[in-house]
Amino acid sequence: MTWIGGDTVSVRQSLLAILQLGPCYGYQLGAEFTRRSGASVPLNAGQIYNTLDRLERDALVTKREPDADGQVFYEITAAGRRDVADWFGSSESRPDSQRDDMPSKIALAVTLPGLDVDAVIAAQRAATAGALAEHKSALRQAGRPRSAEQLATIVMIESRILATEADLVWLDSVVAYLRDASGSGDLVPLPLRSDLPRRGRPAKSVEPDAIG
């Protein structure tokens, strides 16, 4: 899900949930999504309309004829309302951390010979600490929530703060593991494996008349 991005289930269901309030056109849905979800990155027009096309294909919304101003409104169906109810009745999980960019980058770094892994981690830690400071500043600026829109923003900022703090704890644990492994002499960079089956792309053949 920017956590939420692409045509993920959460975007689909979020647009459906907003449509429960009444028919909307594309730009209106995007604006409502941003202010109601606390999203840091707004949905682009292509993302919105691609999602709406899929929702229409799946009979979760219907598309009205253009109005006098040429706006096309979308309306949720009964099946769409059931879909939203099922979504709010289920739980969510964060993306698989094994495919997150930061852990994958650090994991790769510790296997490579000649690389200053401490410098790589220090740079990442500085950037993460900077991000944490920005999130905390945003939380202070948000102040006490006095509307549902403000509360949605604060909920998202709090999530980012806790996730970033967890990243800092993880980076510190990686440093501790590195020091322990380096001190014991157990940390040996990984060489390339030579025992793998040869399944690469075959070399292009050269036509006889192309030689010489």
N, C-alpha and C. Protein backbone atom coordinates (compact mmCIF):
# COMPACT_ATOMS: atom_id res chain seq x y z
N MET A 1 0.80 -1.22 0.00
CA MET A 1 0.00 0.00 0.00
C MET A 1 0.80 1.23 0.00
N THR A 2 2.63 3.22 -1.38
CA THR A 2 2.90 4.17 -0.41
C THR A 2 2.28 3.69 0.65
N TRP A 3 2.95 2.35 0.91
CA TRP A 3 1.94 1.35 1.23
C TRP A 3 0.79 1.39 0.25
N ILE A 4 0.16 2.59 0.06
CA ILE A 4 -0.95 2.65 -0.89
C ILE A 4 -0.40 3.12 -2.22
N GLY A 5 -0.51 2.32 -3.22
CA GLY A 5 -0.03 2.70 -4.53
C GLY A 5 -0.46 1.67 -5.54
N GLY A 6 -0.30 2.00 -6.83
CA GLY A 6 -0.74 1.08 -7.86
C GLY A 6 -2.23 0.83 -7.75
N ASP A 7 -2.71 -0.21 -8.40
CA ASP A 7 -4.12 -0.56 -8.29
C ASP A 7 -4.26 -1.64 -7.23
N THR A 8 -3.82 -1.33 -6.01
CA THR A 8 -3.87 -2.31 -4.94
C THR A 8 -5.29 -2.45 -4.42
N VAL A 9 -5.51 -3.50 -3.64
CA VAL A 9 -6.84 -3.72 -3.08
C VAL A 9 -7.27 -2.53 -2.25
N SER A 10 -6.35 -1.92 -1.49
CA SER A 10 -6.73 -0.82 -0.62
C SER A 10 -7.21 0.38 -1.41
N VAL A 11 -6.63 0.65 -2.56
CA VAL A 11 -7.10 1.76 -3.40
C VAL A 11 -8.49 1.44 -3.93
N ARG A 12 -8.66 0.24 -4.42
CA ARG A 12 -9.98 -0.17 -4.92
C ARG A 12 -11.04 -0.01 -3.84
N GLN A 13 -10.75 -0.56 -2.67
CA GLN A 13 -11.75 -0.55 -1.62
C GLN A 13 -11.95 0.86 -1.06
N SER A 14 -10.89 1.65 -1.04
CA SER A 14 -11.03 3.02 -0.54
C SER A 14 -11.95 3.84 -1.44
N LEU A 15 -11.77 3.69 -2.75
CA LEU A 15 -12.64 4.43 -3.68
C LEU A 15 -14.08 3.94 -3.53
N LEU A 16 -14.25 2.64 -3.37
CA LEU A 16 -15.59 2.11 -3.16
C LEU A 16 -16.22 2.67 -1.89
N ALA A 17 -15.41 2.73 -0.82
CA ALA A 17 -15.92 3.23 0.45
C ALA A 17 -16.39 4.67 0.32
N ILE A 18 -15.64 5.48 -0.42
CA ILE A 18 -16.02 6.88 -0.63
C ILE A 18 -17.30 6.97 -1.45
N LEU A 19 -17.43 6.09 -2.42
CA LEU A 19 -18.63 6.11 -3.27
C LEU A 19 -19.89 5.75 -2.48
N GLN A 20 -19.74 5.16 -1.31
CA GLN A 20 -20.92 4.89 -0.48
C GLN A 20 -21.58 6.20 -0.03
N LEU A 21 -20.82 7.29 -0.04
CA LEU A 21 -21.37 8.58 0.37
C LEU A 21 -22.20 9.22 -0.73
N GLY A 22 -22.01 8.76 -1.97
CA GLY A 22 -22.76 9.31 -3.09
C GLY A 22 -21.95 9.22 -4.36
N PRO A 23 -22.58 9.37 -5.53
CA PRO A 23 -21.87 9.32 -6.80
C PRO A 23 -20.77 10.38 -6.87
N CYS A 24 -19.63 10.02 -7.48
CA CYS A 24 -18.50 10.93 -7.62
C CYS A 24 -17.90 10.79 -9.00
N TYR A 25 -17.22 11.85 -9.44
CA TYR A 25 -16.42 11.76 -10.67
C TYR A 25 -14.96 11.55 -10.28
N GLY A 26 -14.11 11.23 -11.24
CA GLY A 26 -12.76 10.79 -10.96
C GLY A 26 -11.93 11.73 -10.10
N TYR A 27 -11.83 13.00 -10.50
CA TYR A 27 -11.01 13.95 -9.76
C TYR A 27 -11.54 14.11 -8.34
N GLN A 28 -12.85 14.12 -8.21
CA GLN A 28 -13.47 14.24 -6.89
C GLN A 28 -13.07 13.07 -6.00
N LEU A 29 -13.07 11.87 -6.56
CA LEU A 29 -12.66 10.69 -5.80
C LEU A 29 -11.22 10.79 -5.33
N GLY A 30 -10.35 11.27 -6.24
CA GLY A 30 -8.94 11.40 -5.88
C GLY A 30 -8.74 12.39 -4.74
N ALA A 31 -9.44 13.52 -4.80
CA ALA A 31 -9.33 14.53 -3.74
C ALA A 31 -9.86 14.00 -2.42
N GLU A 32 -10.98 13.27 -2.47
CA GLU A 32 -11.55 12.72 -1.25
C GLU A 32 -10.64 11.65 -0.66
N PHE A 33 -10.02 10.84 -1.53
CA PHE A 33 -9.10 9.80 -1.05
C PHE A 33 -7.95 10.44 -0.28
N THR A 34 -7.36 11.51 -0.83
CA THR A 34 -6.22 12.16 -0.20
C THR A 34 -6.58 12.73 1.17
N ARG A 35 -7.70 13.43 1.25
CA ARG A 35 -8.02 14.08 2.51
C ARG A 35 -8.59 13.13 3.55
N ARG A 36 -9.11 11.99 3.12
CA ARG A 36 -9.69 11.05 4.08
C ARG A 36 -8.70 9.97 4.54
N SER A 37 -7.69 9.68 3.73
CA SER A 37 -6.77 8.59 4.07
C SER A 37 -5.46 9.08 4.66
N GLY A 38 -5.21 10.39 4.63
CA GLY A 38 -3.94 10.91 5.10
C GLY A 38 -2.79 10.50 4.20
N ALA A 39 -3.08 10.19 2.94
CA ALA A 39 -2.05 9.73 2.01
C ALA A 39 -1.02 10.82 1.76
N SER A 40 0.26 10.44 1.77
CA SER A 40 1.32 11.41 1.51
C SER A 40 1.51 11.63 0.01
N VAL A 41 1.10 10.66 -0.79
CA VAL A 41 1.21 10.76 -2.24
C VAL A 41 -0.18 10.62 -2.85
N PRO A 42 -0.71 11.67 -3.47
CA PRO A 42 -2.06 11.57 -4.04
C PRO A 42 -2.09 10.61 -5.22
N LEU A 43 -3.26 10.09 -5.49
CA LEU A 43 -3.43 9.23 -6.65
C LEU A 43 -3.41 10.06 -7.91
N ASN A 44 -2.77 9.54 -8.96
CA ASN A 44 -2.82 10.26 -10.23
C ASN A 44 -4.07 9.87 -11.01
N ALA A 45 -4.39 10.67 -12.01
CA ALA A 45 -5.64 10.48 -12.76
C ALA A 45 -5.69 9.10 -13.42
N GLY A 46 -4.56 8.67 -13.99
CA GLY A 46 -4.55 7.37 -14.64
C GLY A 46 -4.84 6.25 -13.67
N GLN A 47 -4.28 6.35 -12.47
CA GLN A 47 -4.51 5.33 -11.45
C GLN A 47 -5.98 5.28 -11.05
N ILE A 48 -6.57 6.45 -10.91
CA ILE A 48 -7.99 6.51 -10.50
C ILE A 48 -8.88 5.88 -11.55
N TYR A 49 -8.70 6.29 -12.81
CA TYR A 49 -9.61 5.81 -13.85
C TYR A 49 -9.35 4.35 -14.22
N ASN A 50 -8.10 3.91 -14.12
CA ASN A 50 -7.84 2.48 -14.33
C ASN A 50 -8.53 1.64 -13.27
N THR A 51 -8.50 2.14 -12.03
CA THR A 51 -9.17 1.43 -10.94
C THR A 51 -10.68 1.43 -11.15
N LEU A 52 -11.23 2.57 -11.56
CA LEU A 52 -12.66 2.65 -11.80
C LEU A 52 -13.08 1.72 -12.93
N ASP A 53 -12.26 1.61 -13.96
CA ASP A 53 -12.57 0.70 -15.06
C ASP A 53 -12.65 -0.74 -14.56
N ARG A 54 -11.73 -1.12 -13.68
CA ARG A 54 -11.75 -2.48 -13.14
C ARG A 54 -12.95 -2.69 -12.22
N LEU A 55 -13.29 -1.66 -11.46
CA LEU A 55 -14.45 -1.78 -10.58
C LEU A 55 -15.73 -1.93 -11.41
N GLU A 56 -15.80 -1.21 -12.52
CA GLU A 56 -16.96 -1.34 -13.40
C GLU A 56 -16.99 -2.72 -14.04
N ARG A 57 -15.82 -3.19 -14.45
CA ARG A 57 -15.74 -4.53 -15.04
C ARG A 57 -16.21 -5.59 -14.06
N ASP A 58 -15.89 -5.40 -12.78
CA ASP A 58 -16.26 -6.37 -11.75
C ASP A 58 -17.65 -6.13 -11.19
N ALA A 59 -18.41 -5.21 -11.81
CA ALA A 59 -19.79 -4.90 -11.42
C ALA A 59 -19.90 -4.36 -10.00
N LEU A 60 -18.84 -3.67 -9.55
CA LEU A 60 -18.86 -3.06 -8.22
C LEU A 60 -19.28 -1.59 -8.29
N VAL A 61 -19.16 -0.99 -9.49
CA VAL A 61 -19.67 0.37 -9.71
C VAL A 61 -20.35 0.41 -11.07
N THR A 62 -21.19 1.40 -11.26
CA THR A 62 -21.77 1.66 -12.58
C THR A 62 -21.40 3.08 -12.97
N LYS A 63 -21.28 3.28 -14.27
CA LYS A 63 -20.89 4.60 -14.80
C LYS A 63 -22.11 5.28 -15.39
N ARG A 64 -22.38 6.49 -14.96
CA ARG A 64 -23.51 7.25 -15.48
C ARG A 64 -23.13 7.93 -16.79
N GLU A 65 -24.14 8.39 -17.50
CA GLU A 65 -23.90 9.20 -18.69
C GLU A 65 -23.33 10.55 -18.27
N PRO A 66 -22.50 11.19 -19.10
CA PRO A 66 -21.95 12.49 -18.75
C PRO A 66 -23.07 13.50 -18.45
N ASP A 67 -22.83 14.36 -17.45
CA ASP A 67 -23.83 15.38 -17.13
C ASP A 67 -23.66 16.59 -18.05
N ALA A 68 -24.37 17.68 -17.76
CA ALA A 68 -24.34 18.86 -18.62
C ALA A 68 -22.94 19.46 -18.74
N ASP A 69 -22.10 19.25 -17.73
CA ASP A 69 -20.73 19.77 -17.75
C ASP A 69 -19.73 18.76 -18.31
N GLY A 70 -20.23 17.61 -18.75
CA GLY A 70 -19.35 16.59 -19.30
C GLY A 70 -18.70 15.69 -18.26
N GLN A 71 -19.09 15.85 -16.99
CA GLN A 71 -18.51 15.02 -15.94
C GLN A 71 -19.20 13.65 -15.92
N VAL A 72 -18.37 12.61 -15.79
CA VAL A 72 -18.89 11.25 -15.69
C VAL A 72 -18.86 10.80 -14.24
N PHE A 73 -20.01 10.53 -13.68
CA PHE A 73 -20.10 10.12 -12.29
C PHE A 73 -20.18 8.60 -12.19
N TYR A 74 -19.58 8.07 -11.11
CA TYR A 74 -19.61 6.65 -10.84
C TYR A 74 -20.44 6.40 -9.58
N GLU A 75 -21.18 5.29 -9.60
CA GLU A 75 -22.07 4.98 -8.50
C GLU A 75 -21.82 3.55 -8.04
N ILE A 76 -21.76 3.34 -6.72
CA ILE A 76 -21.49 2.01 -6.19
C ILE A 76 -22.72 1.13 -6.33
N THR A 77 -22.49 -0.16 -6.56
CA THR A 77 -23.58 -1.13 -6.67
C THR A 77 -23.75 -1.86 -5.33
N ALA A 78 -24.77 -2.68 -5.25
CA ALA A 78 -24.98 -3.47 -4.04
C ALA A 78 -23.80 -4.41 -3.80
N ALA A 79 -23.27 -4.97 -4.88
CA ALA A 79 -22.10 -5.85 -4.74
C ALA A 79 -20.91 -5.07 -4.23
N GLY A 80 -20.78 -3.81 -4.68
CA GLY A 80 -19.70 -2.95 -4.21
C GLY A 80 -19.81 -2.67 -2.72
N ARG A 81 -21.03 -2.44 -2.24
CA ARG A 81 -21.23 -2.20 -0.81
C ARG A 81 -20.87 -3.44 0.01
N ARG A 82 -21.20 -4.61 -0.50
CA ARG A 82 -20.84 -5.84 0.21
C ARG A 82 -19.32 -6.00 0.23
N ASP A 83 -18.67 -5.62 -0.86
CA ASP A 83 -17.22 -5.72 -0.94
C ASP A 83 -16.55 -4.82 0.10
N VAL A 84 -17.07 -3.61 0.26
CA VAL A 84 -16.53 -2.68 1.25
C VAL A 84 -16.74 -3.22 2.66
N ALA A 85 -17.92 -3.76 2.92
CA ALA A 85 -18.21 -4.32 4.24
C ALA A 85 -17.25 -5.46 4.56
N ASP A 86 -16.97 -6.31 3.57
CA ASP A 86 -16.02 -7.41 3.78
C ASP A 86 -14.62 -6.87 4.06
N TRP A 87 -14.24 -5.79 3.36
CA TRP A 87 -12.91 -5.21 3.52
C TRP A 87 -12.73 -4.66 4.94
N PHE A 88 -13.71 -3.90 5.41
CA PHE A 88 -13.61 -3.32 6.75
C PHE A 88 -13.71 -4.40 7.83
N GLY A 89 -14.27 -5.54 7.47
CA GLY A 89 -14.36 -6.63 8.43
C GLY A 89 -13.12 -7.52 8.47
N SER A 90 -12.16 -7.25 7.55
CA SER A 90 -10.94 -8.05 7.50
C SER A 90 -9.78 -7.24 8.08
N SER A 91 -8.61 -7.89 8.23
CA SER A 91 -7.43 -7.22 8.76
C SER A 91 -6.42 -7.01 7.64
N GLU A 92 -5.47 -6.11 7.88
CA GLU A 92 -4.44 -5.81 6.90
C GLU A 92 -3.07 -6.21 7.45
N SER A 93 -2.12 -6.47 6.56
CA SER A 93 -0.74 -6.74 6.96
C SER A 93 0.19 -5.86 6.15
N ARG A 94 1.34 -5.54 6.72
CA ARG A 94 2.31 -4.73 5.99
C ARG A 94 2.93 -5.57 4.88
N PRO A 95 3.54 -4.90 3.88
CA PRO A 95 4.20 -5.65 2.81
C PRO A 95 5.30 -6.54 3.36
N ASP A 96 5.63 -7.61 2.64
CA ASP A 96 6.67 -8.55 3.04
C ASP A 96 8.00 -7.81 3.16
N SER A 97 8.55 -7.74 4.38
CA SER A 97 9.77 -6.96 4.60
C SER A 97 10.96 -7.55 3.86
N GLN A 98 10.87 -8.82 3.44
CA GLN A 98 11.98 -9.41 2.71
C GLN A 98 12.15 -8.76 1.34
N ARG A 99 11.15 -8.08 0.84
CA ARG A 99 11.27 -7.42 -0.46
C ARG A 99 11.31 -5.90 -0.33
N ASP A 100 11.38 -5.38 0.91
CA ASP A 100 11.54 -3.95 1.09
C ASP A 100 12.92 -3.55 0.59
N ASP A 101 13.04 -2.37 0.01
CA ASP A 101 14.31 -1.94 -0.56
C ASP A 101 15.41 -1.82 0.48
N MET A 102 15.11 -1.22 1.63
CA MET A 102 16.16 -0.97 2.62
C MET A 102 16.76 -2.26 3.18
N PRO A 103 15.95 -3.21 3.70
CA PRO A 103 16.55 -4.45 4.20
C PRO A 103 17.29 -5.22 3.11
N SER A 104 16.74 -5.22 1.89
CA SER A 104 17.40 -5.95 0.80
C SER A 104 18.76 -5.34 0.47
N LYS A 105 18.84 -4.01 0.49
CA LYS A 105 20.10 -3.32 0.19
C LYS A 105 21.15 -3.63 1.25
N ILE A 106 20.77 -3.57 2.52
CA ILE A 106 21.72 -3.85 3.59
C ILE A 106 22.14 -5.32 3.58
N ALA A 107 21.17 -6.21 3.35
CA ALA A 107 21.49 -7.64 3.29
C ALA A 107 22.49 -7.93 2.18
N LEU A 108 22.31 -7.29 1.03
CA LEU A 108 23.25 -7.46 -0.08
C LEU A 108 24.63 -6.90 0.29
N ALA A 109 24.65 -5.75 0.95
CA ALA A 109 25.91 -5.08 1.27
C ALA A 109 26.80 -5.97 2.14
N VAL A 110 26.21 -6.69 3.10
CA VAL A 110 27.04 -7.48 4.01
C VAL A 110 27.66 -8.69 3.32
N THR A 111 27.23 -9.01 2.11
CA THR A 111 27.78 -10.18 1.41
C THR A 111 28.88 -9.81 0.43
N LEU A 112 29.11 -8.52 0.20
CA LEU A 112 30.05 -8.09 -0.85
C LEU A 112 31.42 -7.75 -0.27
N PRO A 113 32.48 -8.27 -0.87
CA PRO A 113 33.83 -7.97 -0.39
C PRO A 113 34.25 -6.54 -0.74
N GLY A 114 35.02 -5.93 0.13
CA GLY A 114 35.57 -4.61 -0.15
C GLY A 114 34.61 -3.45 0.03
N LEU A 115 33.38 -3.72 0.43
CA LEU A 115 32.40 -2.65 0.60
C LEU A 115 32.40 -2.19 2.06
N ASP A 116 32.38 -0.87 2.26
CA ASP A 116 32.33 -0.32 3.61
C ASP A 116 30.88 -0.37 4.09
N VAL A 117 30.53 -1.49 4.69
CA VAL A 117 29.15 -1.69 5.12
C VAL A 117 28.77 -0.70 6.22
N ASP A 118 29.73 -0.38 7.09
CA ASP A 118 29.44 0.59 8.16
C ASP A 118 29.01 1.93 7.57
N ALA A 119 29.66 2.33 6.47
CA ALA A 119 29.31 3.61 5.83
C ALA A 119 27.93 3.54 5.20
N VAL A 120 27.61 2.39 4.62
CA VAL A 120 26.29 2.20 4.02
C VAL A 120 25.20 2.32 5.08
N ILE A 121 25.42 1.67 6.21
CA ILE A 121 24.43 1.70 7.28
C ILE A 121 24.35 3.08 7.91
N ALA A 122 25.50 3.75 8.07
CA ALA A 122 25.51 5.08 8.65
C ALA A 122 24.72 6.07 7.79
N ALA A 123 24.88 5.95 6.48
CA ALA A 123 24.13 6.84 5.58
C ALA A 123 22.64 6.57 5.67
N GLN A 124 22.27 5.29 5.73
CA GLN A 124 20.86 4.94 5.84
C GLN A 124 20.28 5.39 7.17
N ARG A 125 21.08 5.27 8.23
CA ARG A 125 20.60 5.68 9.54
C ARG A 125 20.38 7.19 9.62
N ALA A 126 21.30 7.93 9.01
CA ALA A 126 21.16 9.38 9.00
C ALA A 126 19.90 9.81 8.25
N ALA A 127 19.66 9.16 7.12
CA ALA A 127 18.47 9.49 6.33
C ALA A 127 17.20 9.10 7.08
N THR A 128 17.23 7.95 7.76
CA THR A 128 16.06 7.49 8.51
C THR A 128 15.80 8.40 9.70
N ALA A 129 16.86 8.82 10.39
CA ALA A 129 16.69 9.74 11.52
C ALA A 129 16.14 11.07 11.04
N GLY A 130 16.57 11.52 9.85
CA GLY A 130 16.03 12.75 9.28
C GLY A 130 14.55 12.63 8.97
N ALA A 131 14.18 11.47 8.43
CA ALA A 131 12.76 11.24 8.13
C ALA A 131 11.93 11.23 9.40
N LEU A 132 12.48 10.64 10.47
CA LEU A 132 11.76 10.60 11.74
C LEU A 132 11.55 12.01 12.28
N ALA A 133 12.56 12.84 12.17
CA ALA A 133 12.43 14.23 12.63
C ALA A 133 11.35 14.97 11.85
N GLU A 134 11.27 14.71 10.53
CA GLU A 134 10.25 15.34 9.71
C GLU A 134 8.85 14.88 10.11
N HIS A 135 8.71 13.59 10.37
CA HIS A 135 7.40 13.07 10.76
C HIS A 135 6.96 13.66 12.11
N LYS A 136 7.90 13.76 13.05
CA LYS A 136 7.56 14.32 14.36
C LYS A 136 7.21 15.80 14.25
N SER A 137 7.90 16.51 13.36
CA SER A 137 7.57 17.91 13.13
C SER A 137 6.18 18.05 12.54
N ALA A 138 5.85 17.16 11.61
CA ALA A 138 4.51 17.19 11.00
C ALA A 138 3.44 16.91 12.05
N LEU A 139 3.75 16.00 12.99
CA LEU A 139 2.78 15.68 14.04
C LEU A 139 2.56 16.88 14.96
N ARG A 140 3.64 17.59 15.28
CA ARG A 140 3.50 18.78 16.12
C ARG A 140 2.67 19.85 15.41
N GLN A 141 2.91 20.01 14.11
CA GLN A 141 2.18 21.01 13.35
C GLN A 141 0.70 20.64 13.23
N ALA A 142 0.42 19.36 13.20
CA ALA A 142 -0.97 18.92 13.07
C ALA A 142 -1.78 19.30 14.31
N GLY A 143 -1.11 19.30 15.47
CA GLY A 143 -1.79 19.70 16.69
C GLY A 143 -2.88 18.72 17.11
N ARG A 144 -3.79 19.22 17.90
CA ARG A 144 -4.89 18.39 18.38
C ARG A 144 -5.96 18.26 17.30
N PRO A 145 -6.39 17.03 17.00
CA PRO A 145 -7.38 16.86 15.93
C PRO A 145 -8.72 17.48 16.30
N ARG A 146 -9.23 18.32 15.40
CA ARG A 146 -10.53 18.97 15.63
C ARG A 146 -11.53 18.63 14.52
N SER A 147 -11.13 17.70 13.65
CA SER A 147 -12.03 17.25 12.60
C SER A 147 -11.62 15.85 12.20
N ALA A 148 -12.52 15.15 11.50
CA ALA A 148 -12.20 13.80 11.04
C ALA A 148 -11.04 13.82 10.06
N GLU A 149 -10.95 14.87 9.24
CA GLU A 149 -9.85 14.98 8.28
C GLU A 149 -8.52 15.11 8.99
N GLN A 150 -8.46 15.95 10.02
CA GLN A 150 -7.23 16.11 10.78
C GLN A 150 -6.85 14.81 11.49
N LEU A 151 -7.85 14.12 12.02
CA LEU A 151 -7.57 12.86 12.71
C LEU A 151 -7.00 11.82 11.75
N ALA A 152 -7.52 11.77 10.52
CA ALA A 152 -7.00 10.82 9.53
C ALA A 152 -5.53 11.11 9.24
N THR A 153 -5.18 12.40 9.13
CA THR A 153 -3.80 12.79 8.87
C THR A 153 -2.90 12.38 10.03
N ILE A 154 -3.35 12.61 11.24
CA ILE A 154 -2.56 12.28 12.43
C ILE A 154 -2.35 10.78 12.55
N VAL A 155 -3.38 10.01 12.25
CA VAL A 155 -3.26 8.55 12.30
C VAL A 155 -2.14 8.07 11.36
N MET A 156 -2.09 8.64 10.15
CA MET A 156 -1.06 8.24 9.20
C MET A 156 0.33 8.69 9.65
N ILE A 157 0.44 9.90 10.18
CA ILE A 157 1.74 10.39 10.65
C ILE A 157 2.26 9.51 11.78
N GLU A 158 1.38 9.16 12.70
CA GLU A 158 1.77 8.30 13.83
C GLU A 158 2.28 6.96 13.32
N SER A 159 1.62 6.41 12.30
CA SER A 159 2.07 5.14 11.72
C SER A 159 3.48 5.28 11.15
N ARG A 160 3.73 6.39 10.45
CA ARG A 160 5.06 6.60 9.87
C ARG A 160 6.12 6.76 10.96
N ILE A 161 5.76 7.45 12.04
CA ILE A 161 6.71 7.64 13.14
C ILE A 161 7.11 6.30 13.74
N LEU A 162 6.14 5.46 14.06
CA LEU A 162 6.43 4.18 14.69
C LEU A 162 7.21 3.26 13.75
N ALA A 163 6.86 3.28 12.45
CA ALA A 163 7.57 2.45 11.48
C ALA A 163 9.01 2.91 11.32
N THR A 164 9.23 4.23 11.31
CA THR A 164 10.59 4.77 11.17
C THR A 164 11.41 4.50 12.41
N GLU A 165 10.80 4.61 13.58
CA GLU A 165 11.51 4.26 14.81
C GLU A 165 11.92 2.79 14.80
N ALA A 166 11.05 1.94 14.28
CA ALA A 166 11.37 0.51 14.18
C ALA A 166 12.54 0.29 13.23
N ASP A 167 12.61 1.07 12.14
CA ASP A 167 13.73 0.98 11.20
C ASP A 167 15.05 1.32 11.89
N LEU A 168 15.03 2.35 12.75
CA LEU A 168 16.25 2.74 13.46
C LEU A 168 16.69 1.63 14.42
N VAL A 169 15.74 1.03 15.11
CA VAL A 169 16.07 -0.08 16.01
C VAL A 169 16.67 -1.23 15.21
N TRP A 170 16.09 -1.51 14.04
CA TRP A 170 16.60 -2.60 13.20
C TRP A 170 18.02 -2.30 12.73
N LEU A 171 18.29 -1.07 12.30
CA LEU A 171 19.63 -0.71 11.84
C LEU A 171 20.65 -0.87 12.96
N ASP A 172 20.26 -0.48 14.17
CA ASP A 172 21.18 -0.64 15.31
C ASP A 172 21.45 -2.12 15.58
N SER A 173 20.44 -2.96 15.40
CA SER A 173 20.65 -4.39 15.62
C SER A 173 21.57 -4.97 14.55
N VAL A 174 21.47 -4.46 13.31
CA VAL A 174 22.37 -4.93 12.25
C VAL A 174 23.81 -4.58 12.59
N VAL A 175 24.05 -3.37 13.10
CA VAL A 175 25.40 -2.96 13.50
C VAL A 175 25.93 -3.89 14.58
N ALA A 176 25.06 -4.24 15.54
CA ALA A 176 25.49 -5.14 16.62
C ALA A 176 25.85 -6.52 16.06
N TYR A 177 25.04 -7.02 15.12
CA TYR A 177 25.36 -8.32 14.51
C TYR A 177 26.69 -8.26 13.76
N LEU A 178 26.93 -7.16 13.05
CA LEU A 178 28.17 -7.01 12.29
C LEU A 178 29.38 -7.00 13.21
N ARG A 179 29.28 -6.25 14.30
CA ARG A 179 30.39 -6.19 15.24
C ARG A 179 30.68 -7.55 15.85
N ASP A 180 29.63 -8.28 16.18
CA ASP A 180 29.80 -9.61 16.76
C ASP A 180 30.44 -10.56 15.78
N ALA A 181 29.94 -10.54 14.53
CA ALA A 181 30.49 -11.45 13.51
C ALA A 181 31.92 -11.08 13.14
N SER A 182 32.20 -9.78 13.05
CA SER A 182 33.56 -9.34 12.69
C SER A 182 34.54 -9.68 13.81
N GLY A 183 34.09 -9.52 15.05
CA GLY A 183 34.97 -9.81 16.18
C GLY A 183 35.30 -11.28 16.30
N SER A 184 34.37 -12.13 15.91
CA SER A 184 34.60 -13.57 16.01
C SER A 184 35.27 -14.14 14.77
N GLY A 185 35.40 -13.32 13.74
CA GLY A 185 36.02 -13.78 12.50
C GLY A 185 35.12 -14.64 11.64
N ASP A 186 33.81 -14.65 11.96
CA ASP A 186 32.87 -15.50 11.22
C ASP A 186 32.37 -14.85 9.94
N LEU A 187 32.57 -13.54 9.79
CA LEU A 187 31.98 -12.84 8.65
C LEU A 187 32.89 -12.97 7.44
N VAL A 188 32.49 -13.83 6.50
CA VAL A 188 33.26 -14.05 5.27
C VAL A 188 32.37 -13.69 4.09
N PRO A 189 32.79 -12.71 3.24
CA PRO A 189 31.97 -12.34 2.09
C PRO A 189 31.66 -13.53 1.20
N LEU A 190 30.53 -13.50 0.58
CA LEU A 190 30.09 -14.62 -0.26
C LEU A 190 30.72 -14.53 -1.65
N PRO A 191 31.39 -15.60 -2.10
CA PRO A 191 31.88 -15.62 -3.49
C PRO A 191 30.74 -16.01 -4.43
N LEU A 192 30.93 -15.82 -5.70
CA LEU A 192 29.94 -16.27 -6.68
C LEU A 192 29.87 -17.79 -6.66
N ARG A 193 28.66 -18.32 -6.78
CA ARG A 193 28.51 -19.77 -6.86
C ARG A 193 28.82 -20.25 -8.27
N SER A 194 29.54 -21.35 -8.34
CA SER A 194 29.88 -21.91 -9.66
C SER A 194 29.20 -23.24 -9.90
N ASP A 195 28.36 -23.67 -8.94
CA ASP A 195 27.75 -25.00 -9.06
C ASP A 195 26.29 -24.92 -9.50
N LEU A 196 25.88 -23.77 -10.03
CA LEU A 196 24.49 -23.62 -10.46
C LEU A 196 24.30 -24.18 -11.87
N PRO A 197 23.10 -24.69 -12.18
CA PRO A 197 22.84 -25.16 -13.55
C PRO A 197 22.91 -24.00 -14.53
N ARG A 198 23.37 -24.28 -15.74
CA ARG A 198 23.53 -23.24 -16.76
C ARG A 198 22.19 -23.00 -17.45
N ARG A 199 21.47 -21.99 -16.97
CA ARG A 199 20.14 -21.72 -17.51
C ARG A 199 20.02 -20.28 -17.98
N GLY A 200 21.09 -19.66 -18.34
CA GLY A 200 21.02 -18.28 -18.78
C GLY A 200 20.48 -18.15 -20.19
N ARG A 201 20.39 -16.94 -20.69
CA ARG A 201 19.94 -16.71 -22.05
C ARG A 201 21.00 -17.23 -23.01
N PRO A 202 20.63 -18.06 -23.98
CA PRO A 202 21.63 -18.58 -24.92
C PRO A 202 22.23 -17.46 -25.76
N ALA A 203 23.50 -17.65 -26.15
CA ALA A 203 24.16 -16.66 -27.00
C ALA A 203 23.48 -16.61 -28.35
N LYS A 204 23.45 -15.42 -28.95
CA LYS A 204 22.84 -15.26 -30.26
C LYS A 204 23.71 -15.95 -31.32
N SER A 205 23.06 -16.72 -32.18
CA SER A 205 23.81 -17.38 -33.26
C SER A 205 24.13 -16.38 -34.35
N VAL A 206 25.23 -16.55 -35.01
CA VAL A 206 25.66 -15.65 -36.07
C VAL A 206 25.43 -16.32 -37.42
N GLU A 207 24.68 -15.65 -38.27
CA GLU A 207 24.41 -16.20 -39.59
C GLU A 207 25.72 -16.26 -40.39
N PRO A 208 25.91 -17.36 -41.16
CA PRO A 208 27.15 -17.51 -41.92
C PRO A 208 27.44 -16.32 -42.83
N ASP A 209 26.43 -15.77 -43.50
CA ASP A 209 26.69 -14.68 -44.45
C ASP A 209 26.94 -13.35 -43.76
N ALA A 210 26.82 -13.35 -42.40
CA ALA A 210 27.09 -12.12 -41.67
C ALA A 210 28.55 -12.07 -41.21
N ILE A 211 29.31 -13.18 -41.44
CA ILE A 211 30.71 -13.24 -41.02
C ILE A 211 31.60 -12.75 -42.15
N GLY A 212 32.60 -11.97 -41.76
CA GLY A 212 33.57 -11.52 -42.74
C GLY A 212 33.11 -10.31 -43.48
